[in-house]
Amino acid sequence: MSTNLRTLLASAPRLDRAVEGAMDGSVLGLVGALDGESAAAVTILAEDYLAEIGELMGLGEPTAWSVSGARSCYYIVHGARSFAVVLGAPTKSPGRVLERLIERWV
């Protein structure tokens, strides 16, 4: 688990924390200083809303998404049985970072 998370952190500069979560919100692995339980729980809660929006727009279930703020960026990617939340400093190209994470997680 943590090996896969460390691989994700190496995807782009300034990524420094990651958590792997099961689809029920439980924590499977953690790297870096992060409240993994809160990150996993908030991810599951947000995905419920994103799934509703995706359904209304005809997009289906979310498979990867990111949220950028003034001080950090959250990247969420899905695998077959779990998801990863990767955090780091905001960048000018969060879409490209997300693409790299998707390539390494799937």
PDB file of N, CA and C in Angstrom:
ATOM      1  N   MET A   1       0.816  -1.201   0.000  1.00  0.00           N
ATOM      2  CA  MET A   1       0.000   0.000   0.000  1.00  0.00           C
ATOM      3  C   MET A   1       0.856   1.260   0.000  1.00  0.00           C
ATOM      4  N   SER A   2       1.717   1.432   1.009  1.00  0.00           N
ATOM      5  CA  SER A   2       2.481   2.671   1.081  1.00  0.00           C
ATOM      6  C   SER A   2       3.442   2.812  -0.097  1.00  0.00           C
ATOM      7  N   THR A   3       3.884   1.679  -0.692  1.00  0.00           N
ATOM      8  CA  THR A   3       4.743   1.757  -1.871  1.00  0.00           C
ATOM      9  C   THR A   3       4.005   2.428  -3.017  1.00  0.00           C
ATOM     10  N   ASN A   4       2.756   2.038  -3.249  1.00  0.00           N
ATOM     11  CA  ASN A   4       1.955   2.681  -4.288  1.00  0.00           C
ATOM     12  C   ASN A   4       1.755   4.162  -3.989  1.00  0.00           C
ATOM     13  N   LEU A   5       1.550   4.503  -2.737  1.00  0.00           N
ATOM     14  CA  LEU A   5       1.362   5.904  -2.362  1.00  0.00           C
ATOM     15  C   LEU A   5       2.645   6.694  -2.595  1.00  0.00           C
ATOM     16  N   ARG A   6       3.778   6.110  -2.269  1.00  0.00           N
ATOM     17  CA  ARG A   6       5.056   6.801  -2.505  1.00  0.00           C
ATOM     18  C   ARG A   6       5.282   7.013  -4.006  1.00  0.00           C
ATOM     19  N   THR A   7       4.861   6.061  -4.820  1.00  0.00           N
ATOM     20  CA  THR A   7       4.953   6.213  -6.276  1.00  0.00           C
ATOM     21  C   THR A   7       4.108   7.392  -6.735  1.00  0.00           C
ATOM     22  N   LEU A   8       2.921   7.536  -6.148  1.00  0.00           N
ATOM     23  CA  LEU A   8       2.067   8.668  -6.496  1.00  0.00           C
ATOM     24  C   LEU A   8       2.719   9.989  -6.114  1.00  0.00           C
ATOM     25  N   LEU A   9       3.327  10.028  -4.936  1.00  0.00           N
ATOM     26  CA  LEU A   9       3.967  11.271  -4.491  1.00  0.00           C
ATOM     27  C   LEU A   9       5.115  11.673  -5.415  1.00  0.00           C
ATOM     28  N   ALA A  10       5.733  10.702  -6.061  1.00  0.00           N
ATOM     29  CA  ALA A  10       6.831  10.992  -6.984  1.00  0.00           C
ATOM     30  C   ALA A  10       6.332  11.454  -8.352  1.00  0.00           C
ATOM     31  N   SER A  11       5.029  11.515  -8.539  1.00  0.00           N
ATOM     32  CA  SER A  11       4.450  11.889  -9.831  1.00  0.00           C
ATOM     33  C   SER A  11       4.692  13.343 -10.200  1.00  0.00           C
ATOM     34  N   ALA A  12       4.822  14.194  -9.215  1.00  0.00           N
ATOM     35  CA  ALA A  12       4.986  15.624  -9.480  1.00  0.00           C
ATOM     36  C   ALA A  12       5.651  16.285  -8.275  1.00  0.00           C
ATOM     37  N   PRO A  13       6.359  17.382  -8.501  1.00  0.00           N
ATOM     38  CA  PRO A  13       6.977  18.106  -7.386  1.00  0.00           C
ATOM     39  C   PRO A  13       5.912  18.634  -6.426  1.00  0.00           C
ATOM     40  N   ARG A  14       6.293  18.729  -5.179  1.00  0.00           N
ATOM     41  CA  ARG A  14       5.475  19.348  -4.131  1.00  0.00           C
ATOM     42  C   ARG A  14       4.266  18.517  -3.704  1.00  0.00           C
ATOM     43  N   LEU A  15       4.172  17.264  -4.111  1.00  0.00           N
ATOM     44  CA  LEU A  15       3.174  16.365  -3.545  1.00  0.00           C
ATOM     45  C   LEU A  15       3.818  15.751  -2.311  1.00  0.00           C
ATOM     46  N   ASP A  16       3.162  15.849  -1.148  1.00  0.00           N
ATOM     47  CA  ASP A  16       3.843  15.420   0.069  1.00  0.00           C
ATOM     48  C   ASP A  16       3.032  14.547   1.027  1.00  0.00           C
ATOM     49  N   ARG A  17       1.772  14.318   0.742  1.00  0.00           N
ATOM     50  CA  ARG A  17       0.947  13.492   1.633  1.00  0.00           C
ATOM     51  C   ARG A  17      -0.026  12.683   0.795  1.00  0.00           C
ATOM     52  N   ALA A  18      -0.330  11.476   1.260  1.00  0.00           N
ATOM     53  CA  ALA A  18      -1.278  10.644   0.526  1.00  0.00           C
ATOM     54  C   ALA A  18      -1.927   9.640   1.471  1.00  0.00           C
ATOM     55  N   VAL A  19      -3.153   9.296   1.145  1.00  0.00           N
ATOM     56  CA  VAL A  19      -3.866   8.264   1.887  1.00  0.00           C
ATOM     57  C   VAL A  19      -4.590   7.376   0.882  1.00  0.00           C
ATOM     58  N   GLU A  20      -4.582   6.079   1.140  1.00  0.00           N
ATOM     59  CA  GLU A  20      -5.382   5.149   0.351  1.00  0.00           C
ATOM     60  C   GLU A  20      -6.588   4.773   1.190  1.00  0.00           C
ATOM     61  N   GLY A  21      -7.765   4.831   0.582  1.00  0.00           N
ATOM     62  CA  GLY A  21      -8.992   4.517   1.298  1.00  0.00           C
ATOM     63  C   GLY A  21      -9.813   3.474   0.565  1.00  0.00           C
ATOM     64  N   ALA A  22     -10.543   2.697   1.334  1.00  0.00           N
ATOM     65  CA  ALA A  22     -11.494   1.744   0.763  1.00  0.00           C
ATOM     66  C   ALA A  22     -12.772   2.498   0.439  1.00  0.00           C
ATOM     67  N   MET A  23     -13.607   1.899  -0.369  1.00  0.00           N
ATOM     68  CA  MET A  23     -14.832   2.575  -0.795  1.00  0.00           C
ATOM     69  C   MET A  23     -15.816   2.811   0.360  1.00  0.00           C
ATOM     70  N   ASP A  24     -15.586   2.195   1.508  1.00  0.00           N
ATOM     71  CA  ASP A  24     -16.417   2.468   2.679  1.00  0.00           C
ATOM     72  C   ASP A  24     -15.851   3.614   3.519  1.00  0.00           C
ATOM     73  N   GLY A  25     -14.717   4.185   3.077  1.00  0.00           N
ATOM     74  CA  GLY A  25     -14.114   5.315   3.776  1.00  0.00           C
ATOM     75  C   GLY A  25     -13.031   4.935   4.759  1.00  0.00           C
ATOM     76  N   SER A  26     -12.747   3.652   4.937  1.00  0.00           N
ATOM     77  CA  SER A  26     -11.706   3.239   5.875  1.00  0.00           C
ATOM     78  C   SER A  26     -10.326   3.462   5.258  1.00  0.00           C
ATOM     79  N   VAL A  27      -9.342   3.694   6.108  1.00  0.00           N
ATOM     80  CA  VAL A  27      -7.981   3.978   5.677  1.00  0.00           C
ATOM     81  C   VAL A  27      -7.212   2.674   5.494  1.00  0.00           C
ATOM     82  N   LEU A  28      -6.579   2.524   4.325  1.00  0.00           N
ATOM     83  CA  LEU A  28      -5.791   1.336   4.023  1.00  0.00           C
ATOM     84  C   LEU A  28      -4.287   1.596   4.083  1.00  0.00           C
ATOM     85  N   GLY A  29      -3.885   2.836   3.883  1.00  0.00           N
ATOM     86  CA  GLY A  29      -2.476   3.202   3.921  1.00  0.00           C
ATOM     87  C   GLY A  29      -2.328   4.704   4.018  1.00  0.00           C
ATOM     88  N   LEU A  30      -1.173   5.146   4.518  1.00  0.00           N
ATOM     89  CA  LEU A  30      -0.965   6.571   4.752  1.00  0.00           C
ATOM     90  C   LEU A  30       0.515   6.897   4.612  1.00  0.00           C
ATOM     91  N   VAL A  31       0.828   8.001   3.954  1.00  0.00           N
ATOM     92  CA  VAL A  31       2.196   8.508   3.844  1.00  0.00           C
ATOM     93  C   VAL A  31       2.150  10.010   4.102  1.00  0.00           C
ATOM     94  N   GLY A  32       2.977  10.483   5.017  1.00  0.00           N
ATOM     95  CA  GLY A  32       3.034  11.911   5.317  1.00  0.00           C
ATOM     96  C   GLY A  32       2.119  12.305   6.453  1.00  0.00           C
ATOM     97  N   ALA A  33       2.259  13.542   6.879  1.00  0.00           N
ATOM     98  CA  ALA A  33       1.485  14.083   7.992  1.00  0.00           C
ATOM     99  C   ALA A  33       0.101  14.485   7.504  1.00  0.00           C
ATOM    100  N   LEU A  34      -0.867  13.635   7.769  1.00  0.00           N
ATOM    101  CA  LEU A  34      -2.215  13.831   7.250  1.00  0.00           C
ATOM    102  C   LEU A  34      -3.203  13.096   8.143  1.00  0.00           C
ATOM    103  N   ASP A  35      -4.346  13.681   8.383  1.00  0.00           N
ATOM    104  CA  ASP A  35      -5.432  12.993   9.077  1.00  0.00           C
ATOM    105  C   ASP A  35      -6.150  12.134   8.033  1.00  0.00           C
ATOM    106  N   GLY A  36      -5.674  10.926   7.875  1.00  0.00           N
ATOM    107  CA  GLY A  36      -6.175  10.036   6.837  1.00  0.00           C
ATOM    108  C   GLY A  36      -7.645   9.707   6.964  1.00  0.00           C
ATOM    109  N   GLU A  37      -8.116   9.533   8.196  1.00  0.00           N
ATOM    110  CA  GLU A  37      -9.528   9.207   8.393  1.00  0.00           C
ATOM    111  C   GLU A  37     -10.430  10.332   7.924  1.00  0.00           C
ATOM    112  N   SER A  38     -10.066  11.559   8.231  1.00  0.00           N
ATOM    113  CA  SER A  38     -10.873  12.698   7.784  1.00  0.00           C
ATOM    114  C   SER A  38     -10.813  12.849   6.269  1.00  0.00           C
ATOM    115  N   ALA A  39      -9.614  12.704   5.688  1.00  0.00           N
ATOM    116  CA  ALA A  39      -9.477  12.840   4.239  1.00  0.00           C
ATOM    117  C   ALA A  39     -10.301  11.788   3.509  1.00  0.00           C
ATOM    118  N   ALA A  40     -10.280  10.549   3.990  1.00  0.00           N
ATOM    119  CA  ALA A  40     -11.051   9.481   3.354  1.00  0.00           C
ATOM    120  C   ALA A  40     -12.553   9.719   3.515  1.00  0.00           C
ATOM    121  N   ALA A  41     -12.970  10.125   4.706  1.00  0.00           N
ATOM    122  CA  ALA A  41     -14.397  10.357   4.952  1.00  0.00           C
ATOM    123  C   ALA A  41     -14.927  11.520   4.110  1.00  0.00           C
ATOM    124  N   VAL A  42     -14.180  12.605   4.047  1.00  0.00           N
ATOM    125  CA  VAL A  42     -14.613  13.761   3.254  1.00  0.00           C
ATOM    126  C   VAL A  42     -14.656  13.399   1.771  1.00  0.00           C
ATOM    127  N   THR A  43     -13.708  12.601   1.319  1.00  0.00           N
ATOM    128  CA  THR A  43     -13.696  12.170  -0.082  1.00  0.00           C
ATOM    129  C   THR A  43     -14.953  11.392  -0.417  1.00  0.00           C
ATOM    130  N   ILE A  44     -15.322  10.448   0.427  1.00  0.00           N
ATOM    131  CA  ILE A  44     -16.530   9.651   0.185  1.00  0.00           C
ATOM    132  C   ILE A  44     -17.766  10.550   0.175  1.00  0.00           C
ATOM    133  N   LEU A  45     -17.840  11.482   1.112  1.00  0.00           N
ATOM    134  CA  LEU A  45     -18.979  12.401   1.164  1.00  0.00           C
ATOM    135  C   LEU A  45     -19.044  13.258  -0.100  1.00  0.00           C
ATOM    136  N   ALA A  46     -17.919  13.814  -0.526  1.00  0.00           N
ATOM    137  CA  ALA A  46     -17.892  14.643  -1.732  1.00  0.00           C
ATOM    138  C   ALA A  46     -18.249  13.829  -2.963  1.00  0.00           C
ATOM    139  N   GLU A  47     -17.817  12.586  -2.997  1.00  0.00           N
ATOM    140  CA  GLU A  47     -18.106  11.756  -4.168  1.00  0.00           C
ATOM    141  C   GLU A  47     -19.581  11.452  -4.309  1.00  0.00           C
ATOM    142  N   ASP A  48     -20.294  11.396  -3.208  1.00  0.00           N
ATOM    143  CA  ASP A  48     -21.746  11.222  -3.299  1.00  0.00           C
ATOM    144  C   ASP A  48     -22.364  12.375  -4.086  1.00  0.00           C
ATOM    145  N   TYR A  49     -21.935  13.583  -3.764  1.00  0.00           N
ATOM    146  CA  TYR A  49     -22.456  14.756  -4.476  1.00  0.00           C
ATOM    147  C   TYR A  49     -21.975  14.779  -5.929  1.00  0.00           C
ATOM    148  N   LEU A  50     -20.714  14.452  -6.150  1.00  0.00           N
ATOM    149  CA  LEU A  50     -20.189  14.425  -7.515  1.00  0.00           C
ATOM    150  C   LEU A  50     -20.888  13.358  -8.364  1.00  0.00           C
ATOM    151  N   ALA A  51     -21.227  12.243  -7.763  1.00  0.00           N
ATOM    152  CA  ALA A  51     -21.943  11.191  -8.492  1.00  0.00           C
ATOM    153  C   ALA A  51     -23.329  11.682  -8.909  1.00  0.00           C
ATOM    154  N   GLU A  52     -24.006  12.411  -8.017  1.00  0.00           N
ATOM    155  CA  GLU A  52     -25.311  12.975  -8.363  1.00  0.00           C
ATOM    156  C   GLU A  52     -25.187  13.966  -9.516  1.00  0.00           C
ATOM    157  N   ILE A  53     -24.181  14.827  -9.453  1.00  0.00           N
ATOM    158  CA  ILE A  53     -23.965  15.799 -10.524  1.00  0.00           C
ATOM    159  C   ILE A  53     -23.628  15.073 -11.824  1.00  0.00           C
ATOM    160  N   GLY A  54     -22.754  14.071 -11.744  1.00  0.00           N
ATOM    161  CA  GLY A  54     -22.383  13.297 -12.919  1.00  0.00           C
ATOM    162  C   GLY A  54     -23.579  12.614 -13.556  1.00  0.00           C
ATOM    163  N   GLU A  55     -24.478  12.108 -12.712  1.00  0.00           N
ATOM    164  CA  GLU A  55     -25.687  11.460 -13.229  1.00  0.00           C
ATOM    165  C   GLU A  55     -26.577  12.471 -13.944  1.00  0.00           C
ATOM    166  N   LEU A  56     -26.762  13.637 -13.344  1.00  0.00           N
ATOM    167  CA  LEU A  56     -27.593  14.675 -13.954  1.00  0.00           C
ATOM    168  C   LEU A  56     -27.025  15.157 -15.282  1.00  0.00           C
ATOM    169  N   MET A  57     -25.695  15.162 -15.383  1.00  0.00           N
ATOM    170  CA  MET A  57     -25.041  15.645 -16.602  1.00  0.00           C
ATOM    171  C   MET A  57     -24.744  14.523 -17.591  1.00  0.00           C
ATOM    172  N   GLY A  58     -25.039  13.298 -17.211  1.00  0.00           N
ATOM    173  CA  GLY A  58     -24.780  12.167 -18.090  1.00  0.00           C
ATOM    174  C   GLY A  58     -23.326  11.723 -18.122  1.00  0.00           C
ATOM    175  N   LEU A  59     -22.564  12.043 -17.075  1.00  0.00           N
ATOM    176  CA  LEU A  59     -21.144  11.704 -17.033  1.00  0.00           C
ATOM    177  C   LEU A  59     -20.860  10.374 -16.337  1.00  0.00           C
ATOM    178  N   GLY A  60     -21.746   9.936 -15.476  1.00  0.00           N
ATOM    179  CA  GLY A  60     -21.505   8.718 -14.705  1.00  0.00           C
ATOM    180  C   GLY A  60     -20.733   8.999 -13.426  1.00  0.00           C
ATOM    181  N   GLU A  61     -20.239   7.927 -12.811  1.00  0.00           N
ATOM    182  CA  GLU A  61     -19.511   8.018 -11.540  1.00  0.00           C
ATOM    183  C   GLU A  61     -18.158   8.706 -11.731  1.00  0.00           C
ATOM    184  N   PRO A  62     -17.712   9.490 -10.740  1.00  0.00           N
ATOM    185  CA  PRO A  62     -16.388  10.102 -10.848  1.00  0.00           C
ATOM    186  C   PRO A  62     -15.289   9.044 -10.719  1.00  0.00           C
ATOM    187  N   THR A  63     -14.237   9.181 -11.505  1.00  0.00           N
ATOM    188  CA  THR A  63     -13.097   8.267 -11.416  1.00  0.00           C
ATOM    189  C   THR A  63     -11.826   8.993 -10.983  1.00  0.00           C
ATOM    190  N   ALA A  64     -11.784  10.301 -11.184  1.00  0.00           N
ATOM    191  CA  ALA A  64     -10.661  11.123 -10.744  1.00  0.00           C
ATOM    192  C   ALA A  64     -11.134  12.571 -10.712  1.00  0.00           C
ATOM    193  N   TRP A  65     -10.657  13.318  -9.715  1.00  0.00           N
ATOM    194  CA  TRP A  65     -11.017  14.724  -9.621  1.00  0.00           C
ATOM    195  C   TRP A  65     -10.013  15.426  -8.720  1.00  0.00           C
ATOM    196  N   SER A  66     -10.015  16.736  -8.789  1.00  0.00           N
ATOM    197  CA  SER A  66      -9.118  17.509  -7.926  1.00  0.00           C
ATOM    198  C   SER A  66      -9.828  18.766  -7.446  1.00  0.00           C
ATOM    199  N   VAL A  67      -9.335  19.276  -6.335  1.00  0.00           N
ATOM    200  CA  VAL A  67      -9.838  20.521  -5.761  1.00  0.00           C
ATOM    201  C   VAL A  67      -8.623  21.355  -5.385  1.00  0.00           C
ATOM    202  N   SER A  68      -8.553  22.559  -5.912  1.00  0.00           N
ATOM    203  CA  SER A  68      -7.427  23.444  -5.620  1.00  0.00           C
ATOM    204  C   SER A  68      -7.878  24.586  -4.730  1.00  0.00           C
ATOM    205  N   GLY A  69      -7.036  24.906  -3.777  1.00  0.00           N
ATOM    206  CA  GLY A  69      -7.272  26.047  -2.910  1.00  0.00           C
ATOM    207  C   GLY A  69      -6.057  26.952  -2.925  1.00  0.00           C
ATOM    208  N   ALA A  70      -6.058  27.967  -2.097  1.00  0.00           N
ATOM    209  CA  ALA A  70      -4.954  28.923  -2.060  1.00  0.00           C
ATOM    210  C   ALA A  70      -3.667  28.295  -1.531  1.00  0.00           C
ATOM    211  N   ARG A  71      -3.790  27.320  -0.619  1.00  0.00           N
ATOM    212  CA  ARG A  71      -2.597  26.743   0.002  1.00  0.00           C
ATOM    213  C   ARG A  71      -2.326  25.294  -0.359  1.00  0.00           C
ATOM    214  N   SER A  72      -3.306  24.591  -0.910  1.00  0.00           N
ATOM    215  CA  SER A  72      -3.076  23.183  -1.230  1.00  0.00           C
ATOM    216  C   SER A  72      -4.011  22.706  -2.337  1.00  0.00           C
ATOM    217  N   CYS A  73      -3.679  21.556  -2.855  1.00  0.00           N
ATOM    218  CA  CYS A  73      -4.506  20.929  -3.878  1.00  0.00           C
ATOM    219  C   CYS A  73      -4.712  19.466  -3.489  1.00  0.00           C
ATOM    220  N   TYR A  74      -5.928  18.996  -3.596  1.00  0.00           N
ATOM    221  CA  TYR A  74      -6.283  17.613  -3.327  1.00  0.00           C
ATOM    222  C   TYR A  74      -6.548  16.932  -4.665  1.00  0.00           C
ATOM    223  N   TYR A  75      -5.929  15.786  -4.858  1.00  0.00           N
ATOM    224  CA  TYR A  75      -6.142  14.980  -6.060  1.00  0.00           C
ATOM    225  C   TYR A  75      -6.710  13.637  -5.633  1.00  0.00           C
ATOM    226  N   ILE A  76      -7.785  13.208  -6.243  1.00  0.00           N
ATOM    227  CA  ILE A  76      -8.412  11.940  -5.896  1.00  0.00           C
ATOM    228  C   ILE A  76      -8.451  11.076  -7.150  1.00  0.00           C
ATOM    229  N   VAL A  77      -7.909   9.855  -7.032  1.00  0.00           N
ATOM    230  CA  VAL A  77      -7.898   8.909  -8.146  1.00  0.00           C
ATOM    231  C   VAL A  77      -8.430   7.564  -7.655  1.00  0.00           C
ATOM    232  N   HIS A  78      -9.120   6.851  -8.541  1.00  0.00           N
ATOM    233  CA  HIS A  78      -9.721   5.567  -8.204  1.00  0.00           C
ATOM    234  C   HIS A  78      -8.980   4.413  -8.839  1.00  0.00           C
ATOM    235  N   GLY A  79      -8.911   3.320  -8.099  1.00  0.00           N
ATOM    236  CA  GLY A  79      -8.454   2.051  -8.637  1.00  0.00           C
ATOM    237  C   GLY A  79      -9.637   1.097  -8.633  1.00  0.00           C
ATOM    238  N   ALA A  80      -9.375  -0.165  -8.842  1.00  0.00           N
ATOM    239  CA  ALA A  80     -10.446  -1.157  -8.900  1.00  0.00           C
ATOM    240  C   ALA A  80     -11.152  -1.326  -7.559  1.00  0.00           C
ATOM    241  N   ARG A  81     -10.398  -1.253  -6.464  1.00  0.00           N
ATOM    242  CA  ARG A  81     -10.991  -1.529  -5.145  1.00  0.00           C
ATOM    243  C   ARG A  81     -10.789  -0.425  -4.112  1.00  0.00           C
ATOM    244  N   SER A  82     -10.037   0.603  -4.477  1.00  0.00           N
ATOM    245  CA  SER A  82      -9.757   1.657  -3.514  1.00  0.00           C
ATOM    246  C   SER A  82      -9.520   2.972  -4.254  1.00  0.00           C
ATOM    247  N   PHE A  83      -9.325   4.023  -3.479  1.00  0.00           N
ATOM    248  CA  PHE A  83      -9.015   5.332  -4.038  1.00  0.00           C
ATOM    249  C   PHE A  83      -7.827   5.907  -3.286  1.00  0.00           C
ATOM    250  N   ALA A  84      -7.188   6.894  -3.888  1.00  0.00           N
ATOM    251  CA  ALA A  84      -6.089   7.589  -3.234  1.00  0.00           C
ATOM    252  C   ALA A  84      -6.392   9.078  -3.223  1.00  0.00           C
ATOM    253  N   VAL A  85      -6.073   9.699  -2.103  1.00  0.00           N
ATOM    254  CA  VAL A  85      -6.139  11.153  -1.968  1.00  0.00           C
ATOM    255  C   VAL A  85      -4.695  11.613  -1.820  1.00  0.00           C
ATOM    256  N   VAL A  86      -4.247  12.459  -2.744  1.00  0.00           N
ATOM    257  CA  VAL A  86      -2.878  12.949  -2.733  1.00  0.00           C
ATOM    258  C   VAL A  86      -2.937  14.460  -2.562  1.00  0.00           C
ATOM    259  N   LEU A  87      -2.125  14.982  -1.648  1.00  0.00           N
ATOM    260  CA  LEU A  87      -2.135  16.412  -1.369  1.00  0.00           C
ATOM    261  C   LEU A  87      -0.786  17.032  -1.645  1.00  0.00           C
ATOM    262  N   GLY A  88      -0.829  18.278  -2.033  1.00  0.00           N
ATOM    263  CA  GLY A  88       0.383  19.034  -2.252  1.00  0.00           C
ATOM    264  C   GLY A  88       0.067  20.498  -2.436  1.00  0.00           C
ATOM    265  N   ALA A  89       1.098  21.253  -2.721  1.00  0.00           N
ATOM    266  CA  ALA A  89       0.929  22.687  -2.966  1.00  0.00           C
ATOM    267  C   ALA A  89       0.202  22.889  -4.295  1.00  0.00           C
ATOM    268  N   PRO A  90      -0.546  23.974  -4.426  1.00  0.00           N
ATOM    269  CA  PRO A  90      -1.230  24.229  -5.700  1.00  0.00           C
ATOM    270  C   PRO A  90      -0.229  24.432  -6.832  1.00  0.00           C
ATOM    271  N   THR A  91      -0.652  24.069  -8.039  1.00  0.00           N
ATOM    272  CA  THR A  91       0.202  24.225  -9.209  1.00  0.00           C
ATOM    273  C   THR A  91      -0.557  24.978 -10.297  1.00  0.00           C
ATOM    274  N   LYS A  92       0.144  25.352 -11.338  1.00  0.00           N
ATOM    275  CA  LYS A  92      -0.493  26.023 -12.466  1.00  0.00           C
ATOM    276  C   LYS A  92      -1.193  25.031 -13.386  1.00  0.00           C
ATOM    277  N   SER A  93      -0.865  23.736 -13.234  1.00  0.00           N
ATOM    278  CA  SER A  93      -1.460  22.733 -14.111  1.00  0.00           C
ATOM    279  C   SER A  93      -1.949  21.512 -13.321  1.00  0.00           C
ATOM    280  N   PRO A  94      -2.982  21.692 -12.500  1.00  0.00           N
ATOM    281  CA  PRO A  94      -3.482  20.558 -11.720  1.00  0.00           C
ATOM    282  C   PRO A  94      -4.015  19.430 -12.595  1.00  0.00           C
ATOM    283  N   GLY A  95      -4.501  19.754 -13.780  1.00  0.00           N
ATOM    284  CA  GLY A  95      -4.994  18.712 -14.684  1.00  0.00           C
ATOM    285  C   GLY A  95      -3.892  17.764 -15.107  1.00  0.00           C
ATOM    286  N   ARG A  96      -2.725  18.300 -15.387  1.00  0.00           N
ATOM    287  CA  ARG A  96      -1.590  17.454 -15.789  1.00  0.00           C
ATOM    288  C   ARG A  96      -1.124  16.581 -14.626  1.00  0.00           C
ATOM    289  N   VAL A  97      -1.083  17.135 -13.422  1.00  0.00           N
ATOM    290  CA  VAL A  97      -0.717  16.344 -12.241  1.00  0.00           C
ATOM    291  C   VAL A  97      -1.722  15.211 -12.064  1.00  0.00           C
ATOM    292  N   LEU A  98      -3.002  15.510 -12.206  1.00  0.00           N
ATOM    293  CA  LEU A  98      -4.036  14.485 -12.067  1.00  0.00           C
ATOM    294  C   LEU A  98      -3.853  13.389 -13.116  1.00  0.00           C
ATOM    295  N   GLU A  99      -3.518  13.757 -14.338  1.00  0.00           N
ATOM    296  CA  GLU A  99      -3.264  12.751 -15.383  1.00  0.00           C
ATOM    297  C   GLU A  99      -2.127  11.819 -14.991  1.00  0.00           C
ATOM    298  N   ARG A 100      -1.058  12.367 -14.441  1.00  0.00           N
ATOM    299  CA  ARG A 100       0.080  11.542 -14.009  1.00  0.00           C
ATOM    300  C   ARG A 100      -0.334  10.585 -12.890  1.00  0.00           C
ATOM    301  N   LEU A 101      -1.133  11.088 -11.966  1.00  0.00           N
ATOM    302  CA  LEU A 101      -1.582  10.247 -10.856  1.00  0.00           C
ATOM    303  C   LEU A 101      -2.466   9.108 -11.369  1.00  0.00           C
ATOM    304  N   ILE A 102      -3.344   9.413 -12.303  1.00  0.00           N
ATOM    305  CA  ILE A 102      -4.226   8.381 -12.882  1.00  0.00           C
ATOM    306  C   ILE A 102      -3.376   7.298 -13.528  1.00  0.00           C
ATOM    307  N   GLU A 103      -2.371   7.690 -14.307  1.00  0.00           N
ATOM    308  CA  GLU A 103      -1.500   6.716 -14.983  1.00  0.00           C
ATOM    309  C   GLU A 103      -0.812   5.784 -14.001  1.00  0.00           C
ATOM    310  N   ARG A 104      -0.423   6.310 -12.862  1.00  0.00           N
ATOM    311  CA  ARG A 104       0.337   5.511 -11.888  1.00  0.00           C
ATOM    312  C   ARG A 104      -0.546   4.711 -10.951  1.00  0.00           C
ATOM    313  N   TRP A 105      -1.778   5.131 -10.764  1.00  0.00           N
ATOM    314  CA  TRP A 105      -2.647   4.446  -9.801  1.00  0.00           C
ATOM    315  C   TRP A 105      -3.392   3.273 -10.413  1.00  0.00           C
ATOM    316  N   VAL A 106      -3.818   3.393 -11.642  1.00  0.00           N
ATOM    317  CA  VAL A 106      -4.638   2.359 -12.285  1.00  0.00           C
ATOM    318  C   VAL A 106      -3.827   1.113 -12.570  1.00  0.00           C
TER     319      VAL A 106
END
